[in-house]
Amino acid sequence: MARKINPKTEIKKLLDKTEVDEKLLSKVKDILNKTDIDDKLIDAYADAKESGLLDKIKCYITCYGGYLVAVGAGCWFGKNFWVGLALLIIAGIWGYKANCIHKLCKR
């Protein structure tokens, strides 16, 4: 007969073996503290914001993201009708909010 495994003791055994992970984690933290990656990311974000790149990306996602959701809905219809229907409804709402609320329907 197979022996029952107690999850608590197995987790405790795994946690006892984490000395290597803690040493590795402390070395990774030391290396990250020595680099200026955070400053480089902040500078790149500021440059992208000043150039208008982030606004362009946000505009493209707002305008064309609904199409991607609609394509996903078409793919899901073959597997699960309800998921496909939900994605189709989301695509419709996305399209309405992207076009009618802001531009076309306000006359």
PDB file of N, CA and C in Angstrom:
ATOM      1  N   MET A   1       0.823  -1.174   0.000  1.00  0.00           N
ATOM      2  CA  MET A   1       0.000   0.000   0.000  1.00  0.00           C
ATOM      3  C   MET A   1       0.881   1.257   0.000  1.00  0.00           C
ATOM      4  N   ALA A   2       0.486   2.243  -0.767  1.00  0.00           N
ATOM      5  CA  ALA A   2       1.276   3.467  -0.878  1.00  0.00           C
ATOM      6  C   ALA A   2       1.124   4.306   0.385  1.00  0.00           C
ATOM      7  N   ARG A   3       2.227   4.938   0.730  1.00  0.00           N
ATOM      8  CA  ARG A   3       2.236   5.784   1.918  1.00  0.00           C
ATOM      9  C   ARG A   3       1.597   7.129   1.588  1.00  0.00           C
ATOM     10  N   LYS A   4       0.747   7.642   2.477  1.00  0.00           N
ATOM     11  CA  LYS A   4       0.120   8.936   2.280  1.00  0.00           C
ATOM     12  C   LYS A   4       1.148  10.033   2.522  1.00  0.00           C
ATOM     13  N   ILE A   5       1.121  11.007   1.659  1.00  0.00           N
ATOM     14  CA  ILE A   5       2.047  12.123   1.784  1.00  0.00           C
ATOM     15  C   ILE A   5       1.345  13.254   2.516  1.00  0.00           C
ATOM     16  N   ASN A   6       1.984  13.717   3.558  1.00  0.00           N
ATOM     17  CA  ASN A   6       1.447  14.840   4.309  1.00  0.00           C
ATOM     18  C   ASN A   6       1.979  16.127   3.680  1.00  0.00           C
ATOM     19  N   PRO A   7       1.106  16.970   3.167  1.00  0.00           N
ATOM     20  CA  PRO A   7       1.573  18.178   2.478  1.00  0.00           C
ATOM     21  C   PRO A   7       2.362  19.114   3.389  1.00  0.00           C
ATOM     22  N   LYS A   8       1.988  19.196   4.653  1.00  0.00           N
ATOM     23  CA  LYS A   8       2.688  20.108   5.555  1.00  0.00           C
ATOM     24  C   LYS A   8       4.137  19.683   5.754  1.00  0.00           C
ATOM     25  N   THR A   9       4.374  18.383   5.910  1.00  0.00           N
ATOM     26  CA  THR A   9       5.750  17.940   6.108  1.00  0.00           C
ATOM     27  C   THR A   9       6.553  18.083   4.809  1.00  0.00           C
ATOM     28  N   GLU A  10       5.918  17.859   3.682  1.00  0.00           N
ATOM     29  CA  GLU A  10       6.622  18.020   2.413  1.00  0.00           C
ATOM     30  C   GLU A  10       7.013  19.479   2.193  1.00  0.00           C
ATOM     31  N   ILE A  11       6.117  20.395   2.523  1.00  0.00           N
ATOM     32  CA  ILE A  11       6.420  21.819   2.382  1.00  0.00           C
ATOM     33  C   ILE A  11       7.542  22.201   3.334  1.00  0.00           C
ATOM     34  N   LYS A  12       7.504  21.669   4.555  1.00  0.00           N
ATOM     35  CA  LYS A  12       8.560  21.973   5.525  1.00  0.00           C
ATOM     36  C   LYS A  12       9.902  21.458   5.021  1.00  0.00           C
ATOM     37  N   LYS A  13       9.918  20.268   4.418  1.00  0.00           N
ATOM     38  CA  LYS A  13      11.158  19.734   3.871  1.00  0.00           C
ATOM     39  C   LYS A  13      11.687  20.627   2.759  1.00  0.00           C
ATOM     40  N   LEU A  14      10.773  21.106   1.918  1.00  0.00           N
ATOM     41  CA  LEU A  14      11.198  21.987   0.830  1.00  0.00           C
ATOM     42  C   LEU A  14      11.723  23.316   1.359  1.00  0.00           C
ATOM     43  N   LEU A  15      11.071  23.839   2.386  1.00  0.00           N
ATOM     44  CA  LEU A  15      11.519  25.108   2.953  1.00  0.00           C
ATOM     45  C   LEU A  15      12.862  24.965   3.644  1.00  0.00           C
ATOM     46  N   ASP A  16      13.153  23.794   4.196  1.00  0.00           N
ATOM     47  CA  ASP A  16      14.440  23.579   4.826  1.00  0.00           C
ATOM     48  C   ASP A  16      15.574  23.556   3.807  1.00  0.00           C
ATOM     49  N   LYS A  17      15.262  23.244   2.562  1.00  0.00           N
ATOM     50  CA  LYS A  17      16.266  23.162   1.517  1.00  0.00           C
ATOM     51  C   LYS A  17      16.490  24.496   0.807  1.00  0.00           C
ATOM     52  N   THR A  18      15.982  25.588   1.338  1.00  0.00           N
ATOM     53  CA  THR A  18      16.046  26.866   0.632  1.00  0.00           C
ATOM     54  C   THR A  18      17.285  27.682   0.967  1.00  0.00           C
ATOM     55  N   GLU A  19      18.265  27.136   1.605  1.00  0.00           N
ATOM     56  CA  GLU A  19      19.466  27.901   1.915  1.00  0.00           C
ATOM     57  C   GLU A  19      20.158  28.366   0.640  1.00  0.00           C
ATOM     58  N   VAL A  20      20.239  27.525  -0.354  1.00  0.00           N
ATOM     59  CA  VAL A  20      20.874  27.895  -1.610  1.00  0.00           C
ATOM     60  C   VAL A  20      20.097  29.033  -2.264  1.00  0.00           C
ATOM     61  N   ASP A  21      18.783  28.951  -2.219  1.00  0.00           N
ATOM     62  CA  ASP A  21      17.958  29.997  -2.817  1.00  0.00           C
ATOM     63  C   ASP A  21      18.176  31.332  -2.117  1.00  0.00           C
ATOM     64  N   GLU A  22      18.293  31.317  -0.800  1.00  0.00           N
ATOM     65  CA  GLU A  22      18.497  32.558  -0.065  1.00  0.00           C
ATOM     66  C   GLU A  22      19.860  33.161  -0.387  1.00  0.00           C
ATOM     67  N   LYS A  23      20.886  32.334  -0.526  1.00  0.00           N
ATOM     68  CA  LYS A  23      22.205  32.838  -0.892  1.00  0.00           C
ATOM     69  C   LYS A  23      22.171  33.433  -2.287  1.00  0.00           C
ATOM     70  N   LEU A  24      21.511  32.743  -3.204  1.00  0.00           N
ATOM     71  CA  LEU A  24      21.398  33.235  -4.568  1.00  0.00           C
ATOM     72  C   LEU A  24      20.607  34.533  -4.613  1.00  0.00           C
ATOM     73  N   LEU A  25      19.532  34.592  -3.833  1.00  0.00           N
ATOM     74  CA  LEU A  25      18.710  35.789  -3.799  1.00  0.00           C
ATOM     75  C   LEU A  25      19.501  36.974  -3.254  1.00  0.00           C
ATOM     76  N   SER A  26      20.290  36.760  -2.220  1.00  0.00           N
ATOM     77  CA  SER A  26      21.076  37.864  -1.668  1.00  0.00           C
ATOM     78  C   SER A  26      22.120  38.344  -2.672  1.00  0.00           C
ATOM     79  N   LYS A  27      22.727  37.420  -3.442  1.00  0.00           N
ATOM     80  CA  LYS A  27      23.697  37.833  -4.460  1.00  0.00           C
ATOM     81  C   LYS A  27      23.025  38.607  -5.584  1.00  0.00           C
ATOM     82  N   VAL A  28      21.830  38.176  -5.978  1.00  0.00           N
ATOM     83  CA  VAL A  28      21.094  38.900  -7.019  1.00  0.00           C
ATOM     84  C   VAL A  28      20.749  40.304  -6.547  1.00  0.00           C
ATOM     85  N   LYS A  29      20.325  40.425  -5.295  1.00  0.00           N
ATOM     86  CA  LYS A  29      20.020  41.751  -4.757  1.00  0.00           C
ATOM     87  C   LYS A  29      21.258  42.632  -4.729  1.00  0.00           C
ATOM     88  N   ASP A  30      22.406  42.063  -4.366  1.00  0.00           N
ATOM     89  CA  ASP A  30      23.642  42.839  -4.363  1.00  0.00           C
ATOM     90  C   ASP A  30      23.994  43.322  -5.761  1.00  0.00           C
ATOM     91  N   ILE A  31      23.831  42.455  -6.748  1.00  0.00           N
ATOM     92  CA  ILE A  31      24.137  42.839  -8.129  1.00  0.00           C
ATOM     93  C   ILE A  31      23.187  43.919  -8.610  1.00  0.00           C
ATOM     94  N   LEU A  32      21.904  43.776  -8.273  1.00  0.00           N
ATOM     95  CA  LEU A  32      20.932  44.788  -8.701  1.00  0.00           C
ATOM     96  C   LEU A  32      21.179  46.131  -8.031  1.00  0.00           C
ATOM     97  N   ASN A  33      21.669  46.113  -6.806  1.00  0.00           N
ATOM     98  CA  ASN A  33      21.966  47.364  -6.132  1.00  0.00           C
ATOM     99  C   ASN A  33      23.161  48.071  -6.766  1.00  0.00           C
ATOM    100  N   LYS A  34      24.054  47.317  -7.398  1.00  0.00           N
ATOM    101  CA  LYS A  34      25.227  47.905  -8.026  1.00  0.00           C
ATOM    102  C   LYS A  34      24.923  48.504  -9.390  1.00  0.00           C
ATOM    103  N   THR A  35      23.839  48.120 -10.011  1.00  0.00           N
ATOM    104  CA  THR A  35      23.534  48.609 -11.352  1.00  0.00           C
ATOM    105  C   THR A  35      22.596  49.803 -11.286  1.00  0.00           C
ATOM    106  N   ASP A  36      22.533  50.507 -12.377  1.00  0.00           N
ATOM    107  CA  ASP A  36      21.633  51.661 -12.463  1.00  0.00           C
ATOM    108  C   ASP A  36      20.530  51.413 -13.480  1.00  0.00           C
ATOM    109  N   ILE A  37      20.020  50.187 -13.492  1.00  0.00           N
ATOM    110  CA  ILE A  37      18.959  49.822 -14.429  1.00  0.00           C
ATOM    111  C   ILE A  37      17.709  50.654 -14.179  1.00  0.00           C
ATOM    112  N   ASP A  38      17.395  50.867 -12.904  1.00  0.00           N
ATOM    113  CA  ASP A  38      16.199  51.639 -12.582  1.00  0.00           C
ATOM    114  C   ASP A  38      16.286  53.047 -13.150  1.00  0.00           C
ATOM    115  N   ASP A  39      17.446  53.667 -13.017  1.00  0.00           N
ATOM    116  CA  ASP A  39      17.605  55.018 -13.548  1.00  0.00           C
ATOM    117  C   ASP A  39      17.493  55.031 -15.061  1.00  0.00           C
ATOM    118  N   LYS A  40      18.046  54.007 -15.720  1.00  0.00           N
ATOM    119  CA  LYS A  40      17.958  53.931 -17.170  1.00  0.00           C
ATOM    120  C   LYS A  40      16.511  53.747 -17.620  1.00  0.00           C
ATOM    121  N   LEU A  41      15.752  52.909 -16.900  1.00  0.00           N
ATOM    122  CA  LEU A  41      14.342  52.717 -17.249  1.00  0.00           C
ATOM    123  C   LEU A  41      13.542  53.997 -17.060  1.00  0.00           C
ATOM    124  N   ILE A  42      13.810  54.711 -15.987  1.00  0.00           N
ATOM    125  CA  ILE A  42      13.094  55.964 -15.732  1.00  0.00           C
ATOM    126  C   ILE A  42      13.429  56.991 -16.800  1.00  0.00           C
ATOM    127  N   ASP A  43      14.706  57.060 -17.194  1.00  0.00           N
ATOM    128  CA  ASP A  43      15.097  57.994 -18.254  1.00  0.00           C
ATOM    129  C   ASP A  43      14.451  57.631 -19.589  1.00  0.00           C
ATOM    130  N   ALA A  44      14.415  56.339 -19.908  1.00  0.00           N
ATOM    131  CA  ALA A  44      13.799  55.904 -21.168  1.00  0.00           C
ATOM    132  C   ALA A  44      12.301  56.200 -21.166  1.00  0.00           C
ATOM    133  N   TYR A  45      11.642  56.002 -20.014  1.00  0.00           N
ATOM    134  CA  TYR A  45      10.214  56.305 -19.900  1.00  0.00           C
ATOM    135  C   TYR A  45       9.971  57.795 -20.092  1.00  0.00           C
ATOM    136  N   ALA A  46      10.811  58.619 -19.482  1.00  0.00           N
ATOM    137  CA  ALA A  46      10.650  60.067 -19.620  1.00  0.00           C
ATOM    138  C   ALA A  46      10.865  60.500 -21.070  1.00  0.00           C
ATOM    139  N   ASP A  47      11.870  59.924 -21.735  1.00  0.00           N
ATOM    140  CA  ASP A  47      12.112  60.266 -23.144  1.00  0.00           C
ATOM    141  C   ASP A  47      10.940  59.851 -24.023  1.00  0.00           C
ATOM    142  N   ALA A  48      10.385  58.665 -23.776  1.00  0.00           N
ATOM    143  CA  ALA A  48       9.253  58.195 -24.568  1.00  0.00           C
ATOM    144  C   ALA A  48       8.021  59.054 -24.323  1.00  0.00           C
ATOM    145  N   LYS A  49       7.859  59.518 -23.099  1.00  0.00           N
ATOM    146  CA  LYS A  49       6.704  60.354 -22.789  1.00  0.00           C
ATOM    147  C   LYS A  49       6.836  61.728 -23.453  1.00  0.00           C
ATOM    148  N   GLU A  50       8.058  62.273 -23.439  1.00  0.00           N
ATOM    149  CA  GLU A  50       8.274  63.579 -24.055  1.00  0.00           C
ATOM    150  C   GLU A  50       8.097  63.526 -25.570  1.00  0.00           C
ATOM    151  N   SER A  51       8.510  62.433 -26.198  1.00  0.00           N
ATOM    152  CA  SER A  51       8.425  62.338 -27.650  1.00  0.00           C
ATOM    153  C   SER A  51       7.011  62.019 -28.138  1.00  0.00           C
ATOM    154  N   GLY A  52       6.117  61.658 -27.242  1.00  0.00           N
ATOM    155  CA  GLY A  52       4.749  61.348 -27.632  1.00  0.00           C
ATOM    156  C   GLY A  52       4.552  59.894 -28.015  1.00  0.00           C
ATOM    157  N   LEU A  53       5.574  59.077 -27.826  1.00  0.00           N
ATOM    158  CA  LEU A  53       5.480  57.670 -28.194  1.00  0.00           C
ATOM    159  C   LEU A  53       4.440  56.943 -27.347  1.00  0.00           C
ATOM    160  N   LEU A  54       4.383  57.241 -26.060  1.00  0.00           N
ATOM    161  CA  LEU A  54       3.418  56.571 -25.187  1.00  0.00           C
ATOM    162  C   LEU A  54       1.985  56.936 -25.556  1.00  0.00           C
ATOM    163  N   ASP A  55       1.776  58.191 -25.941  1.00  0.00           N
ATOM    164  CA  ASP A  55       0.435  58.597 -26.364  1.00  0.00           C
ATOM    165  C   ASP A  55       0.029  57.892 -27.650  1.00  0.00           C
ATOM    166  N   LYS A  56       0.996  57.709 -28.567  1.00  0.00           N
ATOM    167  CA  LYS A  56       0.716  56.999 -29.808  1.00  0.00           C
ATOM    168  C   LYS A  56       0.357  55.544 -29.547  1.00  0.00           C
ATOM    169  N   ILE A  57       1.116  54.901 -28.653  1.00  0.00           N
ATOM    170  CA  ILE A  57       0.844  53.507 -28.309  1.00  0.00           C
ATOM    171  C   ILE A  57      -0.531  53.379 -27.675  1.00  0.00           C
ATOM    172  N   LYS A  58      -0.849  54.293 -26.778  1.00  0.00           N
ATOM    173  CA  LYS A  58      -2.156  54.260 -26.118  1.00  0.00           C
ATOM    174  C   LYS A  58      -3.286  54.468 -27.118  1.00  0.00           C
ATOM    175  N   CYS A  59      -3.068  55.347 -28.089  1.00  0.00           N
ATOM    176  CA  CYS A  59      -4.082  55.596 -29.114  1.00  0.00           C
ATOM    177  C   CYS A  59      -4.299  54.362 -29.977  1.00  0.00           C
ATOM    178  N   TYR A  60      -3.206  53.705 -30.402  1.00  0.00           N
ATOM    179  CA  TYR A  60      -3.343  52.506 -31.229  1.00  0.00           C
ATOM    180  C   TYR A  60      -4.036  51.374 -30.469  1.00  0.00           C
ATOM    181  N   ILE A  61      -3.724  51.237 -29.186  1.00  0.00           N
ATOM    182  CA  ILE A  61      -4.387  50.193 -28.398  1.00  0.00           C
ATOM    183  C   ILE A  61      -5.874  50.501 -28.269  1.00  0.00           C
ATOM    184  N   THR A  62      -6.205  51.761 -28.039  1.00  0.00           N
ATOM    185  CA  THR A  62      -7.610  52.136 -27.915  1.00  0.00           C
ATOM    186  C   THR A  62      -8.359  51.937 -29.222  1.00  0.00           C
ATOM    187  N   CYS A  63      -7.733  52.323 -30.330  1.00  0.00           N
ATOM    188  CA  CYS A  63      -8.421  52.255 -31.620  1.00  0.00           C
ATOM    189  C   CYS A  63      -8.499  50.839 -32.184  1.00  0.00           C
ATOM    190  N   TYR A  64      -7.413  50.080 -32.084  1.00  0.00           N
ATOM    191  CA  TYR A  64      -7.343  48.797 -32.778  1.00  0.00           C
ATOM    192  C   TYR A  64      -7.367  47.579 -31.857  1.00  0.00           C
ATOM    193  N   GLY A  65      -7.406  47.781 -30.565  1.00  0.00           N
ATOM    194  CA  GLY A  65      -7.427  46.647 -29.638  1.00  0.00           C
ATOM    195  C   GLY A  65      -8.704  45.836 -29.734  1.00  0.00           C
ATOM    196  N   GLY A  66      -9.802  46.493 -30.046  1.00  0.00           N
ATOM    197  CA  GLY A  66     -11.076  45.789 -30.201  1.00  0.00           C
ATOM    198  C   GLY A  66     -11.048  44.783 -31.341  1.00  0.00           C
ATOM    199  N   TYR A  67     -10.285  45.099 -32.385  1.00  0.00           N
ATOM    200  CA  TYR A  67     -10.154  44.157 -33.496  1.00  0.00           C
ATOM    201  C   TYR A  67      -9.459  42.874 -33.050  1.00  0.00           C
ATOM    202  N   LEU A  68      -8.442  43.031 -32.227  1.00  0.00           N
ATOM    203  CA  LEU A  68      -7.743  41.842 -31.720  1.00  0.00           C
ATOM    204  C   LEU A  68      -8.657  40.993 -30.852  1.00  0.00           C
ATOM    205  N   VAL A  69      -9.481  41.655 -30.049  1.00  0.00           N
ATOM    206  CA  VAL A  69     -10.428  40.909 -29.218  1.00  0.00           C
ATOM    207  C   VAL A  69     -11.453  40.199 -30.106  1.00  0.00           C
ATOM    208  N   ALA A  70     -11.876  40.837 -31.171  1.00  0.00           N
ATOM    209  CA  ALA A  70     -12.840  40.209 -32.086  1.00  0.00           C
ATOM    210  C   ALA A  70     -12.229  39.003 -32.795  1.00  0.00           C
ATOM    211  N   VAL A  71     -10.969  39.107 -33.190  1.00  0.00           N
ATOM    212  CA  VAL A  71     -10.294  37.957 -33.804  1.00  0.00           C
ATOM    213  C   VAL A  71     -10.181  36.823 -32.794  1.00  0.00           C
ATOM    214  N   GLY A  72      -9.852  37.177 -31.559  1.00  0.00           N
ATOM    215  CA  GLY A  72      -9.800  36.162 -30.503  1.00  0.00           C
ATOM    216  C   GLY A  72     -11.158  35.518 -30.288  1.00  0.00           C
ATOM    217  N   ALA A  73     -12.214  36.315 -30.396  1.00  0.00           N
ATOM    218  CA  ALA A  73     -13.562  35.757 -30.247  1.00  0.00           C
ATOM    219  C   ALA A  73     -13.853  34.767 -31.358  1.00  0.00           C
ATOM    220  N   GLY A  74     -13.454  35.103 -32.584  1.00  0.00           N
ATOM    221  CA  GLY A  74     -13.663  34.185 -33.695  1.00  0.00           C
ATOM    222  C   GLY A  74     -12.920  32.881 -33.514  1.00  0.00           C
ATOM    223  N   CYS A  75     -11.720  32.966 -32.964  1.00  0.00           N
ATOM    224  CA  CYS A  75     -10.946  31.744 -32.701  1.00  0.00           C
ATOM    225  C   CYS A  75     -11.591  30.910 -31.600  1.00  0.00           C
ATOM    226  N   TRP A  76     -12.141  31.584 -30.607  1.00  0.00           N
ATOM    227  CA  TRP A  76     -12.720  30.855 -29.471  1.00  0.00           C
ATOM    228  C   TRP A  76     -14.073  30.240 -29.792  1.00  0.00           C
ATOM    229  N   PHE A  77     -14.770  30.752 -30.802  1.00  0.00           N
ATOM    230  CA  PHE A  77     -16.074  30.178 -31.128  1.00  0.00           C
ATOM    231  C   PHE A  77     -15.971  28.701 -31.478  1.00  0.00           C
ATOM    232  N   GLY A  78     -14.872  28.303 -32.071  1.00  0.00           N
ATOM    233  CA  GLY A  78     -14.704  26.895 -32.431  1.00  0.00           C
ATOM    234  C   GLY A  78     -14.484  26.000 -31.226  1.00  0.00           C
ATOM    235  N   LYS A  79     -13.948  26.554 -30.167  1.00  0.00           N
ATOM    236  CA  LYS A  79     -13.642  25.746 -28.984  1.00  0.00           C
ATOM    237  C   LYS A  79     -14.742  25.824 -27.927  1.00  0.00           C
ATOM    238  N   ASN A  80     -15.145  27.050 -27.621  1.00  0.00           N
ATOM    239  CA  ASN A  80     -16.144  27.239 -26.575  1.00  0.00           C
ATOM    240  C   ASN A  80     -17.028  28.413 -26.984  1.00  0.00           C
ATOM    241  N   PHE A  81     -18.296  28.128 -27.222  1.00  0.00           N
ATOM    242  CA  PHE A  81     -19.222  29.146 -27.706  1.00  0.00           C
ATOM    243  C   PHE A  81     -19.357  30.299 -26.724  1.00  0.00           C
ATOM    244  N   TRP A  82     -19.444  30.008 -25.437  1.00  0.00           N
ATOM    245  CA  TRP A  82     -19.706  31.038 -24.438  1.00  0.00           C
ATOM    246  C   TRP A  82     -18.519  31.991 -24.274  1.00  0.00           C
ATOM    247  N   VAL A  83     -17.319  31.450 -24.330  1.00  0.00           N
ATOM    248  CA  VAL A  83     -16.140  32.315 -24.248  1.00  0.00           C
ATOM    249  C   VAL A  83     -16.072  33.197 -25.497  1.00  0.00           C
ATOM    250  N   GLY A  84     -16.350  32.617 -26.657  1.00  0.00           N
ATOM    251  CA  GLY A  84     -16.370  33.398 -27.891  1.00  0.00           C
ATOM    252  C   GLY A  84     -17.422  34.492 -27.856  1.00  0.00           C
ATOM    253  N   LEU A  85     -18.592  34.159 -27.324  1.00  0.00           N
ATOM    254  CA  LEU A  85     -19.659  35.158 -27.212  1.00  0.00           C
ATOM    255  C   LEU A  85     -19.269  36.276 -26.262  1.00  0.00           C
ATOM    256  N   ALA A  86     -18.649  35.927 -25.141  1.00  0.00           N
ATOM    257  CA  ALA A  86     -18.211  36.946 -24.180  1.00  0.00           C
ATOM    258  C   ALA A  86     -17.176  37.872 -24.810  1.00  0.00           C
ATOM    259  N   LEU A  87     -16.213  37.291 -25.537  1.00  0.00           N
ATOM    260  CA  LEU A  87     -15.205  38.117 -26.201  1.00  0.00           C
ATOM    261  C   LEU A  87     -15.817  38.986 -27.296  1.00  0.00           C
ATOM    262  N   LEU A  88     -16.821  38.477 -27.978  1.00  0.00           N
ATOM    263  CA  LEU A  88     -17.493  39.261 -29.003  1.00  0.00           C
ATOM    264  C   LEU A  88     -18.234  40.450 -28.386  1.00  0.00           C
ATOM    265  N   ILE A  89     -18.862  40.230 -27.262  1.00  0.00           N
ATOM    266  CA  ILE A  89     -19.545  41.324 -26.555  1.00  0.00           C
ATOM    267  C   ILE A  89     -18.534  42.361 -26.092  1.00  0.00           C
ATOM    268  N   ILE A  90     -17.400  41.898 -25.569  1.00  0.00           N
ATOM    269  CA  ILE A  90     -16.350  42.818 -25.131  1.00  0.00           C
ATOM    270  C   ILE A  90     -15.830  43.631 -26.314  1.00  0.00           C
ATOM    271  N   ALA A  91     -15.644  42.980 -27.467  1.00  0.00           N
ATOM    272  CA  ALA A  91     -15.187  43.688 -28.663  1.00  0.00           C
ATOM    273  C   ALA A  91     -16.207  44.742 -29.095  1.00  0.00           C
ATOM    274  N   GLY A  92     -17.494  44.413 -28.998  1.00  0.00           N
ATOM    275  CA  GLY A  92     -18.530  45.382 -29.350  1.00  0.00           C
ATOM    276  C   GLY A  92     -18.540  46.576 -28.423  1.00  0.00           C
ATOM    277  N   ILE A  93     -18.413  46.321 -27.141  1.00  0.00           N
ATOM    278  CA  ILE A  93     -18.379  47.421 -26.170  1.00  0.00           C
ATOM    279  C   ILE A  93     -17.134  48.274 -26.399  1.00  0.00           C
ATOM    280  N   TRP A  94     -16.009  47.619 -26.648  1.00  0.00           N
ATOM    281  CA  TRP A  94     -14.762  48.334 -26.915  1.00  0.00           C
ATOM    282  C   TRP A  94     -14.916  49.238 -28.138  1.00  0.00           C
ATOM    283  N   GLY A  95     -15.491  48.687 -29.201  1.00  0.00           N
ATOM    284  CA  GLY A  95     -15.690  49.473 -30.409  1.00  0.00           C
ATOM    285  C   GLY A  95     -16.623  50.651 -30.187  1.00  0.00           C
ATOM    286  N   TYR A  96     -17.680  50.441 -29.420  1.00  0.00           N
ATOM    287  CA  TYR A  96     -18.621  51.523 -29.129  1.00  0.00           C
ATOM    288  C   TYR A  96     -17.933  52.629 -28.348  1.00  0.00           C
ATOM    289  N   LYS A  97     -17.179  52.243 -27.316  1.00  0.00           N
ATOM    290  CA  LYS A  97     -16.515  53.254 -26.496  1.00  0.00           C
ATOM    291  C   LYS A  97     -15.415  53.974 -27.269  1.00  0.00           C
ATOM    292  N   ALA A  98     -14.727  53.269 -28.154  1.00  0.00           N
ATOM    293  CA  ALA A  98     -13.636  53.895 -28.900  1.00  0.00           C
ATOM    294  C   ALA A  98     -14.149  54.856 -29.956  1.00  0.00           C
ATOM    295  N   ASN A  99     -15.334  54.606 -30.511  1.00  0.00           N
ATOM    296  CA  ASN A  99     -15.808  55.428 -31.620  1.00  0.00           C
ATOM    297  C   ASN A  99     -16.993  56.313 -31.255  1.00  0.00           C
ATOM    298  N   CYS A 100     -18.073  55.727 -30.806  1.00  0.00           N
ATOM    299  CA  CYS A 100     -19.316  56.484 -30.652  1.00  0.00           C
ATOM    300  C   CYS A 100     -19.272  57.480 -29.506  1.00  0.00           C
ATOM    301  N   ILE A 101     -18.690  57.115 -28.415  1.00  0.00           N
ATOM    302  CA  ILE A 101     -18.712  58.022 -27.265  1.00  0.00           C
ATOM    303  C   ILE A 101     -17.827  59.243 -27.532  1.00  0.00           C
ATOM    304  N   HIS A 102     -16.737  59.031 -28.234  1.00  0.00           N
ATOM    305  CA  HIS A 102     -15.784  60.122 -28.374  1.00  0.00           C
ATOM    306  C   HIS A 102     -15.958  60.918 -29.663  1.00  0.00           C
ATOM    307  N   LYS A 103     -16.309  60.286 -30.787  1.00  0.00           N
ATOM    308  CA  LYS A 103     -16.260  60.988 -32.060  1.00  0.00           C
ATOM    309  C   LYS A 103     -17.580  60.990 -32.832  1.00  0.00           C
ATOM    310  N   LEU A 104     -17.965  59.817 -33.305  1.00  0.00           N
ATOM    311  CA  LEU A 104     -18.976  59.750 -34.350  1.00  0.00           C
ATOM    312  C   LEU A 104     -20.380  60.101 -33.882  1.00  0.00           C
ATOM    313  N   CYS A 105     -20.813  59.621 -32.758  1.00  0.00           N
ATOM    314  CA  CYS A 105     -22.199  59.772 -32.365  1.00  0.00           C
ATOM    315  C   CYS A 105     -22.522  61.134 -31.748  1.00  0.00           C
ATOM    316  N   LYS A 106     -21.503  61.922 -31.465  1.00  0.00           N
ATOM    317  CA  LYS A 106     -21.758  63.264 -30.901  1.00  0.00           C
ATOM    318  C   LYS A 106     -21.902  64.235 -32.059  1.00  0.00           C
ATOM    319  N   ARG A 107     -23.138  64.587 -32.347  1.00  0.00           N
ATOM    320  CA  ARG A 107     -23.397  65.538 -33.445  1.00  0.00           C
ATOM    321  C   ARG A 107     -24.225  66.673 -32.966  1.00  0.00           C
TER     322      ARG A 107
END
